[in-house]
Amino acid sequence: MKEQRLHFNFEARYYTLGELTKSTQQVWFVIHGYGQLAQYFIKKFEVLKDENIYVIAPEGLSRFYLEDIPTRAAGGSNRVGATWMTRENREMDIHNYINYLQSVYERELNQIDNPPVSILGFSQGGATATRWVLSGKPQFDKFILWAGIFPLDMNFESGKEILKKKKVITVYGDDDPFVTPERMKEMELLSSKIDLVPHKISFKGKHEIDNKTLLSIVNL
């Protein structure tokens, strides 16, 4: 058996919130977590519209039913989520989603003189966003890891060079079941390997986006 590969045209979607004009104050790319869809995830950033911020929510290139077949058959649920990658053929998935994210970036930001850009990765989207920014392709000012950590296989040399002059922010809910003490120690170790001390923010809440915290980040 021999694995074969090919390149072909691939159509993908993403969502935007607000309008990108000459008066736009900031642009935010928001990268969703595992099992989410961009059309619903972007609604969590409605509060940014009043700040004249243009929000762009790409969507993971692989979608799946959130319940198994027996559960769907019994209850009639057809809920769908998206993911950025799995362990199967992961390098190809990473290559594809970095190219996709950069295509969205170039399509959106070639229209006007660019306002400041923030890139936010939520949960699984934190690893996705990290790999994208460390590819050296997007230009950005602020990088926000929300309820996520750096990926273990990140490029540490690129991390040192690219993030040293950026505003890097980590955000965690104080009752987030996925943010364990072990995960926090792992994040601290990975940050130390790229000589980085992120600006840390916590809020009262779980694995979620918090409006008050969002607004506090706008002017950091």
N, C-alpha and C. Protein backbone atom coordinates (compact mmCIF):
# COMPACT_ATOMS: atom_id res chain seq x y z
N MET A 1 0.85 -1.20 0.00
CA MET A 1 0.00 0.00 0.00
C MET A 1 0.88 1.25 0.00
N LYS A 2 0.52 2.22 -0.80
CA LYS A 2 1.28 3.47 -0.89
C LYS A 2 0.32 4.65 -0.75
N GLU A 3 0.63 5.55 0.18
CA GLU A 3 -0.19 6.75 0.34
C GLU A 3 0.08 7.71 -0.82
N GLN A 4 -0.98 8.27 -1.37
CA GLN A 4 -0.90 9.24 -2.45
C GLN A 4 -1.43 10.59 -1.97
N ARG A 5 -0.91 11.65 -2.50
CA ARG A 5 -1.37 12.99 -2.13
C ARG A 5 -1.60 13.82 -3.39
N LEU A 6 -2.52 14.79 -3.28
CA LEU A 6 -2.76 15.70 -4.38
C LEU A 6 -3.21 17.05 -3.86
N HIS A 7 -3.08 18.05 -4.67
CA HIS A 7 -3.58 19.40 -4.39
C HIS A 7 -4.81 19.64 -5.26
N PHE A 8 -5.83 20.29 -4.68
CA PHE A 8 -7.02 20.63 -5.45
C PHE A 8 -7.67 21.86 -4.83
N ASN A 9 -8.56 22.51 -5.56
CA ASN A 9 -9.25 23.68 -5.04
C ASN A 9 -10.20 23.26 -3.92
N PHE A 10 -10.21 24.01 -2.83
CA PHE A 10 -11.01 23.68 -1.66
C PHE A 10 -11.75 24.92 -1.22
N GLU A 11 -13.06 24.85 -1.10
CA GLU A 11 -13.87 25.99 -0.67
C GLU A 11 -14.13 25.90 0.82
N ALA A 12 -13.94 27.00 1.53
CA ALA A 12 -14.15 27.02 2.98
C ALA A 12 -14.85 28.32 3.34
N ARG A 13 -15.49 28.32 4.51
CA ARG A 13 -16.24 29.50 4.94
C ARG A 13 -15.63 30.11 6.20
N TYR A 14 -16.00 31.36 6.43
CA TYR A 14 -15.68 32.03 7.68
C TYR A 14 -16.72 33.11 7.89
N TYR A 15 -16.77 33.69 9.09
CA TYR A 15 -17.79 34.68 9.41
C TYR A 15 -17.14 35.97 9.91
N THR A 16 -17.85 37.07 9.69
CA THR A 16 -17.36 38.37 10.15
C THR A 16 -18.45 39.09 10.93
N LEU A 17 -18.02 39.99 11.78
CA LEU A 17 -18.93 40.77 12.62
C LEU A 17 -18.52 42.22 12.54
N GLY A 18 -19.47 43.09 12.17
CA GLY A 18 -19.15 44.50 11.99
C GLY A 18 -18.73 44.80 10.57
N GLU A 19 -18.16 45.99 10.38
CA GLU A 19 -17.71 46.42 9.06
C GLU A 19 -16.26 46.87 9.13
N LEU A 20 -15.51 46.53 8.11
CA LEU A 20 -14.11 46.97 8.03
C LEU A 20 -14.06 48.24 7.19
N THR A 21 -13.81 49.37 7.85
CA THR A 21 -13.77 50.67 7.18
C THR A 21 -12.54 51.43 7.63
N LYS A 22 -12.38 52.63 7.12
CA LYS A 22 -11.24 53.46 7.50
C LYS A 22 -11.30 53.88 8.96
N SER A 23 -12.49 53.81 9.55
CA SER A 23 -12.63 54.20 10.96
C SER A 23 -12.53 53.01 11.92
N THR A 24 -12.35 51.81 11.39
CA THR A 24 -12.22 50.63 12.25
C THR A 24 -11.01 50.79 13.17
N GLN A 25 -11.22 50.54 14.46
CA GLN A 25 -10.17 50.73 15.44
C GLN A 25 -9.24 49.53 15.57
N GLN A 26 -9.80 48.34 15.47
CA GLN A 26 -9.01 47.12 15.58
C GLN A 26 -9.66 46.02 14.75
N VAL A 27 -8.85 45.01 14.40
CA VAL A 27 -9.36 43.79 13.78
C VAL A 27 -8.98 42.62 14.68
N TRP A 28 -9.96 41.78 14.98
CA TRP A 28 -9.70 40.59 15.79
C TRP A 28 -10.01 39.33 14.98
N PHE A 29 -9.04 38.43 14.94
CA PHE A 29 -9.28 37.08 14.43
C PHE A 29 -9.54 36.20 15.65
N VAL A 30 -10.67 35.50 15.66
CA VAL A 30 -11.02 34.66 16.80
C VAL A 30 -11.13 33.21 16.33
N ILE A 31 -10.32 32.35 16.92
CA ILE A 31 -10.19 30.96 16.49
C ILE A 31 -10.90 30.06 17.50
N HIS A 32 -11.96 29.40 17.06
CA HIS A 32 -12.83 28.65 17.97
C HIS A 32 -12.17 27.36 18.48
N GLY A 33 -12.81 26.74 19.47
CA GLY A 33 -12.33 25.51 20.07
C GLY A 33 -12.94 24.28 19.43
N TYR A 34 -12.62 23.14 20.00
CA TYR A 34 -13.07 21.84 19.49
C TYR A 34 -14.59 21.72 19.55
N GLY A 35 -15.18 21.28 18.45
CA GLY A 35 -16.61 21.01 18.42
C GLY A 35 -17.49 22.23 18.27
N GLN A 36 -16.90 23.39 18.02
CA GLN A 36 -17.69 24.61 17.83
C GLN A 36 -17.81 24.94 16.35
N LEU A 37 -18.76 25.81 16.02
CA LEU A 37 -18.90 26.34 14.67
C LEU A 37 -18.71 27.85 14.72
N ALA A 38 -18.08 28.39 13.70
CA ALA A 38 -17.74 29.81 13.69
C ALA A 38 -18.97 30.71 13.76
N GLN A 39 -20.07 30.29 13.14
CA GLN A 39 -21.26 31.13 13.10
C GLN A 39 -21.85 31.37 14.50
N TYR A 40 -21.64 30.44 15.41
CA TYR A 40 -22.11 30.61 16.79
C TYR A 40 -21.01 31.19 17.67
N PHE A 41 -19.78 30.78 17.44
CA PHE A 41 -18.67 31.29 18.23
C PHE A 41 -18.53 32.80 18.10
N ILE A 42 -18.71 33.32 16.92
CA ILE A 42 -18.51 34.76 16.69
C ILE A 42 -19.51 35.61 17.46
N LYS A 43 -20.67 35.04 17.78
CA LYS A 43 -21.68 35.79 18.52
C LYS A 43 -21.22 36.14 19.93
N LYS A 44 -20.25 35.39 20.43
CA LYS A 44 -19.71 35.66 21.75
C LYS A 44 -18.89 36.95 21.79
N PHE A 45 -18.65 37.54 20.61
CA PHE A 45 -17.82 38.75 20.52
C PHE A 45 -18.64 39.97 20.09
N GLU A 46 -19.97 39.87 20.20
CA GLU A 46 -20.86 40.97 19.83
C GLU A 46 -20.49 42.25 20.57
N VAL A 47 -20.03 42.11 21.80
CA VAL A 47 -19.72 43.27 22.62
C VAL A 47 -18.62 44.13 21.99
N LEU A 48 -17.81 43.55 21.13
CA LEU A 48 -16.72 44.31 20.50
C LEU A 48 -17.21 45.26 19.40
N LYS A 49 -18.41 45.02 18.89
CA LYS A 49 -18.93 45.89 17.82
C LYS A 49 -19.02 47.33 18.27
N ASP A 50 -19.43 47.54 19.52
CA ASP A 50 -19.58 48.90 20.04
C ASP A 50 -18.23 49.60 20.20
N GLU A 51 -17.15 48.82 20.16
CA GLU A 51 -15.81 49.39 20.25
C GLU A 51 -15.22 49.63 18.86
N ASN A 52 -16.05 49.49 17.85
CA ASN A 52 -15.63 49.67 16.45
C ASN A 52 -14.52 48.69 16.08
N ILE A 53 -14.72 47.45 16.51
CA ILE A 53 -13.77 46.37 16.21
C ILE A 53 -14.40 45.42 15.21
N TYR A 54 -13.66 45.09 14.19
CA TYR A 54 -14.10 44.15 13.16
C TYR A 54 -13.62 42.76 13.55
N VAL A 55 -14.55 41.81 13.66
CA VAL A 55 -14.22 40.48 14.13
C VAL A 55 -14.32 39.47 12.98
N ILE A 56 -13.32 38.62 12.87
CA ILE A 56 -13.27 37.60 11.82
C ILE A 56 -13.14 36.24 12.49
N ALA A 57 -14.07 35.33 12.18
CA ALA A 57 -14.06 34.00 12.79
C ALA A 57 -13.92 32.93 11.71
N PRO A 58 -12.72 32.43 11.48
CA PRO A 58 -12.54 31.28 10.59
C PRO A 58 -13.15 30.03 11.23
N GLU A 59 -13.31 28.99 10.43
CA GLU A 59 -13.90 27.74 10.93
C GLU A 59 -13.00 26.56 10.60
N GLY A 60 -12.88 25.63 11.55
CA GLY A 60 -12.11 24.42 11.31
C GLY A 60 -12.55 23.71 10.04
N LEU A 61 -11.61 23.16 9.33
CA LEU A 61 -11.90 22.59 8.01
C LEU A 61 -12.55 21.21 8.05
N SER A 62 -12.64 20.62 9.23
CA SER A 62 -13.29 19.31 9.37
C SER A 62 -14.49 19.43 10.29
N ARG A 63 -15.66 18.98 9.82
CA ARG A 63 -16.88 19.02 10.63
C ARG A 63 -17.37 17.60 10.91
N PHE A 64 -18.11 17.46 12.00
CA PHE A 64 -18.56 16.14 12.41
C PHE A 64 -19.82 16.27 13.27
N TYR A 65 -20.60 15.20 13.38
CA TYR A 65 -21.74 15.18 14.28
C TYR A 65 -21.24 15.06 15.72
N LEU A 66 -21.83 15.85 16.62
CA LEU A 66 -21.37 15.88 18.00
C LEU A 66 -21.82 14.67 18.80
N GLU A 67 -22.91 14.02 18.39
CA GLU A 67 -23.36 12.81 19.06
C GLU A 67 -23.13 11.60 18.17
N ASP A 68 -23.03 10.44 18.81
CA ASP A 68 -22.85 9.22 18.03
C ASP A 68 -24.16 8.81 17.35
N ILE A 69 -24.11 7.79 16.49
CA ILE A 69 -25.28 7.41 15.71
C ILE A 69 -26.45 6.97 16.58
N PRO A 70 -26.26 6.11 17.59
CA PRO A 70 -27.40 5.72 18.42
C PRO A 70 -28.06 6.91 19.13
N THR A 71 -27.24 7.85 19.62
CA THR A 71 -27.79 9.02 20.31
C THR A 71 -28.60 9.89 19.35
N ARG A 72 -28.07 10.08 18.15
CA ARG A 72 -28.80 10.88 17.16
C ARG A 72 -30.09 10.20 16.73
N ALA A 73 -30.05 8.88 16.59
CA ALA A 73 -31.24 8.14 16.18
C ALA A 73 -32.31 8.19 17.25
N ALA A 74 -31.89 8.12 18.51
CA ALA A 74 -32.85 8.11 19.60
C ALA A 74 -33.45 9.48 19.87
N GLY A 75 -32.62 10.51 19.80
CA GLY A 75 -33.08 11.84 20.17
C GLY A 75 -33.34 12.78 19.03
N GLY A 76 -32.91 12.43 17.84
CA GLY A 76 -33.13 13.29 16.68
C GLY A 76 -32.19 14.47 16.60
N SER A 77 -31.13 14.47 17.42
CA SER A 77 -30.19 15.58 17.39
C SER A 77 -29.23 15.44 16.22
N ASN A 78 -29.04 16.53 15.49
CA ASN A 78 -28.09 16.53 14.39
C ASN A 78 -27.06 17.66 14.56
N ARG A 79 -26.72 17.95 15.81
CA ARG A 79 -25.77 19.04 16.06
C ARG A 79 -24.41 18.71 15.46
N VAL A 80 -23.81 19.73 14.86
CA VAL A 80 -22.53 19.57 14.16
C VAL A 80 -21.51 20.52 14.79
N GLY A 81 -20.28 20.06 14.89
CA GLY A 81 -19.17 20.90 15.33
C GLY A 81 -18.02 20.79 14.34
N ALA A 82 -17.01 21.58 14.57
CA ALA A 82 -15.83 21.56 13.69
C ALA A 82 -14.58 21.37 14.53
N THR A 83 -13.54 20.86 13.89
CA THR A 83 -12.25 20.71 14.56
C THR A 83 -11.14 21.14 13.62
N TRP A 84 -10.03 21.57 14.20
CA TRP A 84 -8.90 22.02 13.40
C TRP A 84 -8.00 20.86 12.99
N MET A 85 -7.95 19.83 13.82
CA MET A 85 -7.09 18.70 13.49
C MET A 85 -7.35 17.56 14.47
N THR A 86 -6.88 16.39 14.12
CA THR A 86 -6.83 15.25 15.03
C THR A 86 -5.40 14.70 14.96
N ARG A 87 -5.17 13.58 15.60
CA ARG A 87 -3.83 12.99 15.55
C ARG A 87 -3.56 12.31 14.22
N GLU A 88 -4.63 12.03 13.44
CA GLU A 88 -4.47 11.35 12.16
C GLU A 88 -4.05 12.35 11.08
N ASN A 89 -2.90 12.11 10.46
CA ASN A 89 -2.40 12.95 9.38
C ASN A 89 -2.31 14.42 9.82
N ARG A 90 -1.83 14.62 11.04
CA ARG A 90 -1.87 15.93 11.66
C ARG A 90 -1.03 16.97 10.94
N GLU A 91 0.11 16.58 10.40
CA GLU A 91 0.97 17.56 9.73
C GLU A 91 0.29 18.15 8.50
N MET A 92 -0.46 17.32 7.78
CA MET A 92 -1.19 17.83 6.62
C MET A 92 -2.30 18.78 7.06
N ASP A 93 -3.00 18.41 8.14
CA ASP A 93 -4.05 19.29 8.66
C ASP A 93 -3.48 20.64 9.08
N ILE A 94 -2.34 20.62 9.78
CA ILE A 94 -1.71 21.87 10.20
C ILE A 94 -1.33 22.72 9.00
N HIS A 95 -0.71 22.10 8.02
CA HIS A 95 -0.33 22.82 6.80
C HIS A 95 -1.56 23.44 6.13
N ASN A 96 -2.64 22.67 6.05
CA ASN A 96 -3.84 23.15 5.38
C ASN A 96 -4.49 24.30 6.13
N TYR A 97 -4.58 24.17 7.47
CA TYR A 97 -5.29 25.25 8.16
C TYR A 97 -4.44 26.52 8.28
N ILE A 98 -3.13 26.40 8.30
CA ILE A 98 -2.32 27.62 8.27
C ILE A 98 -2.50 28.35 6.94
N ASN A 99 -2.51 27.62 5.84
CA ASN A 99 -2.74 28.24 4.54
C ASN A 99 -4.13 28.86 4.46
N TYR A 100 -5.12 28.17 5.02
CA TYR A 100 -6.49 28.68 5.03
C TYR A 100 -6.58 29.97 5.84
N LEU A 101 -6.05 29.96 7.07
CA LEU A 101 -6.11 31.15 7.91
C LEU A 101 -5.40 32.33 7.26
N GLN A 102 -4.26 32.07 6.64
CA GLN A 102 -3.54 33.15 5.99
C GLN A 102 -4.30 33.67 4.77
N SER A 103 -5.01 32.79 4.08
CA SER A 103 -5.83 33.23 2.94
C SER A 103 -6.95 34.15 3.40
N VAL A 104 -7.58 33.82 4.54
CA VAL A 104 -8.61 34.69 5.11
C VAL A 104 -8.00 36.04 5.48
N TYR A 105 -6.86 35.99 6.12
CA TYR A 105 -6.16 37.21 6.54
C TYR A 105 -5.87 38.12 5.34
N GLU A 106 -5.31 37.55 4.31
CA GLU A 106 -4.93 38.35 3.14
C GLU A 106 -6.15 38.88 2.40
N ARG A 107 -7.20 38.08 2.35
CA ARG A 107 -8.42 38.54 1.67
C ARG A 107 -9.04 39.72 2.41
N GLU A 108 -9.09 39.65 3.73
CA GLU A 108 -9.74 40.69 4.52
C GLU A 108 -8.89 41.94 4.66
N LEU A 109 -7.60 41.79 4.84
CA LEU A 109 -6.77 42.94 5.20
C LEU A 109 -6.03 43.56 4.03
N ASN A 110 -6.40 43.21 2.83
CA ASN A 110 -5.80 43.90 1.68
C ASN A 110 -6.70 45.03 1.20
N GLN A 111 -7.75 45.34 1.97
CA GLN A 111 -8.73 46.32 1.52
C GLN A 111 -8.35 47.75 1.88
N ILE A 112 -7.82 47.96 3.08
CA ILE A 112 -7.54 49.31 3.57
C ILE A 112 -6.23 49.29 4.34
N ASP A 113 -5.78 50.48 4.76
CA ASP A 113 -4.63 50.53 5.66
C ASP A 113 -4.99 49.80 6.94
N ASN A 114 -4.15 48.88 7.33
CA ASN A 114 -4.51 47.96 8.40
C ASN A 114 -4.55 48.63 9.77
N PRO A 115 -5.65 48.47 10.51
CA PRO A 115 -5.66 48.84 11.93
C PRO A 115 -4.94 47.76 12.73
N PRO A 116 -4.73 47.98 14.02
CA PRO A 116 -4.08 46.95 14.84
C PRO A 116 -4.83 45.62 14.79
N VAL A 117 -4.08 44.54 14.75
CA VAL A 117 -4.66 43.19 14.63
C VAL A 117 -4.40 42.40 15.91
N SER A 118 -5.45 41.78 16.44
CA SER A 118 -5.34 40.84 17.55
C SER A 118 -5.73 39.46 17.06
N ILE A 119 -5.03 38.44 17.53
CA ILE A 119 -5.37 37.06 17.20
C ILE A 119 -5.66 36.33 18.50
N LEU A 120 -6.88 35.80 18.62
CA LEU A 120 -7.33 35.11 19.83
C LEU A 120 -7.60 33.65 19.51
N GLY A 121 -7.03 32.75 20.30
CA GLY A 121 -7.32 31.34 20.17
C GLY A 121 -7.99 30.82 21.42
N PHE A 122 -9.16 30.21 21.27
CA PHE A 122 -9.91 29.70 22.41
C PHE A 122 -9.75 28.18 22.50
N SER A 123 -9.35 27.67 23.66
CA SER A 123 -9.26 26.23 23.91
C SER A 123 -8.38 25.56 22.84
N GLN A 124 -8.92 24.57 22.10
CA GLN A 124 -8.13 23.93 21.04
C GLN A 124 -7.64 24.96 20.03
N GLY A 125 -8.41 26.01 19.83
CA GLY A 125 -8.01 27.06 18.90
C GLY A 125 -6.76 27.80 19.33
N GLY A 126 -6.38 27.66 20.61
CA GLY A 126 -5.14 28.28 21.06
C GLY A 126 -3.92 27.67 20.39
N ALA A 127 -3.91 26.34 20.27
CA ALA A 127 -2.80 25.67 19.58
C ALA A 127 -2.80 26.03 18.11
N THR A 128 -3.99 26.09 17.52
CA THR A 128 -4.12 26.46 16.11
C THR A 128 -3.60 27.87 15.87
N ALA A 129 -4.03 28.79 16.70
CA ALA A 129 -3.60 30.18 16.55
C ALA A 129 -2.09 30.32 16.77
N THR A 130 -1.55 29.56 17.72
CA THR A 130 -0.10 29.62 17.97
C THR A 130 0.68 29.18 16.74
N ARG A 131 0.29 28.06 16.16
CA ARG A 131 1.01 27.56 14.98
C ARG A 131 0.91 28.55 13.83
N TRP A 132 -0.24 29.21 13.71
CA TRP A 132 -0.41 30.19 12.63
C TRP A 132 0.52 31.39 12.85
N VAL A 133 0.51 31.98 14.05
CA VAL A 133 1.34 33.17 14.26
C VAL A 133 2.83 32.83 14.16
N LEU A 134 3.21 31.61 14.60
CA LEU A 134 4.62 31.25 14.55
C LEU A 134 5.07 30.81 13.16
N SER A 135 4.12 30.71 12.23
CA SER A 135 4.51 30.47 10.83
C SER A 135 5.18 31.70 10.24
N GLY A 136 5.02 32.84 10.92
CA GLY A 136 5.62 34.09 10.45
C GLY A 136 4.83 34.78 9.37
N LYS A 137 3.63 34.29 9.08
CA LYS A 137 2.86 34.86 7.97
C LYS A 137 1.99 36.05 8.36
N PRO A 138 1.19 35.96 9.42
CA PRO A 138 0.32 37.11 9.73
C PRO A 138 1.07 38.21 10.47
N GLN A 139 0.69 39.44 10.20
CA GLN A 139 1.19 40.58 10.95
C GLN A 139 0.15 40.89 12.03
N PHE A 140 0.58 41.01 13.28
CA PHE A 140 -0.36 41.22 14.36
C PHE A 140 0.32 41.98 15.50
N ASP A 141 -0.51 42.50 16.39
CA ASP A 141 -0.01 43.28 17.52
C ASP A 141 -0.21 42.58 18.85
N LYS A 142 -1.32 41.83 18.96
CA LYS A 142 -1.69 41.22 20.23
C LYS A 142 -2.07 39.76 20.00
N PHE A 143 -1.58 38.89 20.87
CA PHE A 143 -1.90 37.46 20.78
C PHE A 143 -2.52 37.03 22.09
N ILE A 144 -3.71 36.42 22.02
CA ILE A 144 -4.48 36.08 23.21
C ILE A 144 -4.76 34.59 23.23
N LEU A 145 -4.26 33.92 24.26
CA LEU A 145 -4.59 32.51 24.50
C LEU A 145 -5.68 32.46 25.56
N TRP A 146 -6.88 32.03 25.16
CA TRP A 146 -8.01 32.02 26.09
C TRP A 146 -8.39 30.57 26.37
N ALA A 147 -8.23 30.14 27.61
CA ALA A 147 -8.56 28.77 28.03
C ALA A 147 -7.75 27.73 27.25
N GLY A 148 -6.55 28.10 26.85
CA GLY A 148 -5.70 27.18 26.11
C GLY A 148 -4.24 27.40 26.46
N ILE A 149 -3.37 26.54 25.93
CA ILE A 149 -1.94 26.69 26.16
C ILE A 149 -1.20 26.53 24.84
N PHE A 150 0.08 26.86 24.87
CA PHE A 150 0.91 26.64 23.69
C PHE A 150 0.97 25.14 23.38
N PRO A 151 1.07 24.77 22.11
CA PRO A 151 1.24 23.35 21.77
C PRO A 151 2.64 22.87 22.11
N LEU A 152 2.73 21.62 22.52
CA LEU A 152 4.02 21.06 22.91
C LEU A 152 5.03 21.06 21.77
N ASP A 153 4.53 20.95 20.53
CA ASP A 153 5.42 20.86 19.38
C ASP A 153 5.64 22.21 18.71
N MET A 154 5.39 23.29 19.43
CA MET A 154 5.58 24.62 18.84
C MET A 154 7.04 24.82 18.45
N ASN A 155 7.26 25.71 17.51
CA ASN A 155 8.61 26.05 17.09
C ASN A 155 9.17 27.08 18.08
N PHE A 156 10.05 26.63 18.98
CA PHE A 156 10.51 27.49 20.06
C PHE A 156 11.38 28.64 19.55
N GLU A 157 12.16 28.39 18.53
CA GLU A 157 12.99 29.46 17.98
C GLU A 157 12.13 30.55 17.36
N SER A 158 11.12 30.14 16.58
CA SER A 158 10.19 31.13 16.02
C SER A 158 9.44 31.84 17.12
N GLY A 159 9.08 31.09 18.18
CA GLY A 159 8.36 31.70 19.28
C GLY A 159 9.14 32.82 19.94
N LYS A 160 10.42 32.60 20.17
CA LYS A 160 11.25 33.63 20.77
C LYS A 160 11.31 34.88 19.90
N GLU A 161 11.50 34.67 18.63
CA GLU A 161 11.69 35.79 17.71
C GLU A 161 10.39 36.56 17.45
N ILE A 162 9.31 35.83 17.21
CA ILE A 162 8.06 36.46 16.78
C ILE A 162 7.31 37.09 17.94
N LEU A 163 7.29 36.42 19.10
CA LEU A 163 6.46 36.89 20.21
C LEU A 163 7.15 37.88 21.13
N LYS A 164 8.47 38.05 20.99
CA LYS A 164 9.19 38.89 21.95
C LYS A 164 8.76 40.36 21.89
N LYS A 165 8.27 40.82 20.76
CA LYS A 165 7.86 42.21 20.62
C LYS A 165 6.34 42.37 20.57
N LYS A 166 5.63 41.30 20.91
CA LYS A 166 4.17 41.34 20.86
C LYS A 166 3.58 41.36 22.27
N LYS A 167 2.34 41.81 22.34
CA LYS A 167 1.60 41.73 23.59
C LYS A 167 0.95 40.35 23.64
N VAL A 168 1.38 39.52 24.58
CA VAL A 168 0.85 38.16 24.71
C VAL A 168 0.06 38.07 26.01
N ILE A 169 -1.19 37.64 25.89
CA ILE A 169 -2.12 37.62 27.02
C ILE A 169 -2.70 36.22 27.19
N THR A 170 -2.74 35.73 28.41
CA THR A 170 -3.43 34.47 28.70
C THR A 170 -4.64 34.77 29.57
N VAL A 171 -5.75 34.08 29.26
CA VAL A 171 -7.01 34.32 29.98
C VAL A 171 -7.60 32.97 30.40
N TYR A 172 -7.96 32.86 31.68
CA TYR A 172 -8.53 31.62 32.19
C TYR A 172 -9.67 31.91 33.16
N GLY A 173 -10.75 31.13 33.07
CA GLY A 173 -11.79 31.18 34.08
C GLY A 173 -11.32 30.47 35.33
N ASP A 174 -11.67 31.02 36.49
CA ASP A 174 -11.17 30.43 37.73
C ASP A 174 -11.85 29.11 38.09
N ASP A 175 -12.90 28.75 37.33
CA ASP A 175 -13.60 27.49 37.56
C ASP A 175 -13.65 26.65 36.27
N ASP A 176 -12.64 26.82 35.43
CA ASP A 176 -12.58 26.09 34.17
C ASP A 176 -12.09 24.66 34.44
N PRO A 177 -12.92 23.65 34.17
CA PRO A 177 -12.52 22.28 34.48
C PRO A 177 -11.38 21.76 33.60
N PHE A 178 -11.13 22.43 32.49
CA PHE A 178 -10.07 21.99 31.59
C PHE A 178 -8.72 22.62 31.91
N VAL A 179 -8.73 23.65 32.73
CA VAL A 179 -7.49 24.34 33.08
C VAL A 179 -7.06 23.84 34.46
N THR A 180 -6.35 22.74 34.46
CA THR A 180 -5.90 22.12 35.70
C THR A 180 -4.56 22.71 36.14
N PRO A 181 -4.17 22.49 37.39
CA PRO A 181 -2.84 22.95 37.83
C PRO A 181 -1.72 22.37 36.96
N GLU A 182 -1.89 21.12 36.51
CA GLU A 182 -0.88 20.50 35.66
C GLU A 182 -0.76 21.23 34.33
N ARG A 183 -1.90 21.62 33.77
CA ARG A 183 -1.89 22.36 32.50
C ARG A 183 -1.23 23.72 32.68
N MET A 184 -1.48 24.37 33.79
CA MET A 184 -0.89 25.68 34.04
C MET A 184 0.63 25.57 34.18
N LYS A 185 1.09 24.52 34.86
CA LYS A 185 2.53 24.31 34.97
C LYS A 185 3.15 24.05 33.61
N GLU A 186 2.42 23.31 32.78
CA GLU A 186 2.92 23.04 31.43
C GLU A 186 3.03 24.33 30.63
N MET A 187 2.04 25.22 30.77
CA MET A 187 2.08 26.50 30.08
C MET A 187 3.25 27.34 30.56
N GLU A 188 3.51 27.33 31.85
CA GLU A 188 4.63 28.10 32.39
C GLU A 188 5.96 27.58 31.85
N LEU A 189 6.09 26.27 31.74
CA LEU A 189 7.31 25.67 31.22
C LEU A 189 7.52 26.05 29.75
N LEU A 190 6.45 25.94 28.96
CA LEU A 190 6.55 26.28 27.54
C LEU A 190 6.87 27.76 27.35
N SER A 191 6.26 28.61 28.17
CA SER A 191 6.53 30.05 28.08
C SER A 191 7.99 30.34 28.41
N SER A 192 8.53 29.64 29.42
CA SER A 192 9.92 29.88 29.80
C SER A 192 10.88 29.48 28.70
N LYS A 193 10.50 28.49 27.90
CA LYS A 193 11.37 28.04 26.81
C LYS A 193 11.50 29.07 25.70
N ILE A 194 10.56 30.01 25.64
CA ILE A 194 10.68 31.07 24.64
C ILE A 194 10.91 32.43 25.32
N ASP A 195 11.34 32.36 26.58
CA ASP A 195 11.67 33.57 27.33
C ASP A 195 10.51 34.56 27.37
N LEU A 196 9.33 34.04 27.63
CA LEU A 196 8.12 34.86 27.58
C LEU A 196 7.41 34.84 28.93
N VAL A 197 6.97 36.02 29.37
CA VAL A 197 6.12 36.13 30.55
C VAL A 197 4.82 36.79 30.10
N PRO A 198 3.77 36.00 29.82
CA PRO A 198 2.52 36.58 29.33
C PRO A 198 1.84 37.44 30.38
N HIS A 199 1.01 38.34 29.91
CA HIS A 199 0.13 39.11 30.79
C HIS A 199 -1.04 38.20 31.15
N LYS A 200 -1.20 37.87 32.43
CA LYS A 200 -2.18 36.88 32.86
C LYS A 200 -3.45 37.55 33.39
N ILE A 201 -4.59 37.05 32.91
CA ILE A 201 -5.90 37.55 33.34
C ILE A 201 -6.76 36.36 33.73
N SER A 202 -7.47 36.48 34.84
CA SER A 202 -8.44 35.46 35.22
C SER A 202 -9.79 36.13 35.49
N PHE A 203 -10.85 35.36 35.38
CA PHE A 203 -12.19 35.88 35.65
C PHE A 203 -13.01 34.80 36.33
N LYS A 204 -14.09 35.20 36.95
CA LYS A 204 -14.97 34.24 37.60
C LYS A 204 -15.83 33.56 36.54
N GLY A 205 -15.54 32.32 36.27
CA GLY A 205 -16.31 31.63 35.24
C GLY A 205 -15.67 30.32 34.86
N LYS A 206 -16.28 29.66 33.90
CA LYS A 206 -15.84 28.34 33.48
C LYS A 206 -15.14 28.42 32.12
N HIS A 207 -15.35 27.42 31.28
CA HIS A 207 -14.73 27.33 29.96
C HIS A 207 -15.57 28.13 28.98
N GLU A 208 -15.40 29.46 29.00
CA GLU A 208 -16.31 30.35 28.28
C GLU A 208 -15.64 31.69 27.98
N ILE A 209 -16.30 32.45 27.11
CA ILE A 209 -15.87 33.81 26.82
C ILE A 209 -16.63 34.76 27.73
N ASP A 210 -15.92 35.62 28.39
CA ASP A 210 -16.52 36.56 29.35
C ASP A 210 -16.45 37.98 28.78
N ASN A 211 -17.61 38.63 28.67
CA ASN A 211 -17.68 39.95 28.03
C ASN A 211 -16.85 41.01 28.74
N LYS A 212 -16.94 41.07 30.05
CA LYS A 212 -16.21 42.08 30.79
C LYS A 212 -14.70 41.94 30.59
N THR A 213 -14.25 40.69 30.57
CA THR A 213 -12.82 40.43 30.34
C THR A 213 -12.42 40.81 28.93
N LEU A 214 -13.27 40.47 27.96
CA LEU A 214 -13.00 40.86 26.58
C LEU A 214 -12.74 42.37 26.47
N LEU A 215 -13.64 43.14 27.06
CA LEU A 215 -13.53 44.59 26.96
C LEU A 215 -12.27 45.11 27.67
N SER A 216 -11.86 44.42 28.73
CA SER A 216 -10.66 44.85 29.44
C SER A 216 -9.40 44.67 28.60
N ILE A 217 -9.45 43.75 27.64
CA ILE A 217 -8.28 43.46 26.80
C ILE A 217 -8.14 44.45 25.64
N VAL A 218 -9.24 45.07 25.27
CA VAL A 218 -9.25 45.92 24.07
C VAL A 218 -8.15 46.96 24.10
N ASN A 219 -7.95 47.60 25.23
CA ASN A 219 -6.99 48.71 25.32
C ASN A 219 -5.69 48.34 26.01
N LEU A 220 -5.43 47.06 26.21
CA LEU A 220 -4.16 46.64 26.81
C LEU A 220 -3.01 46.85 25.84
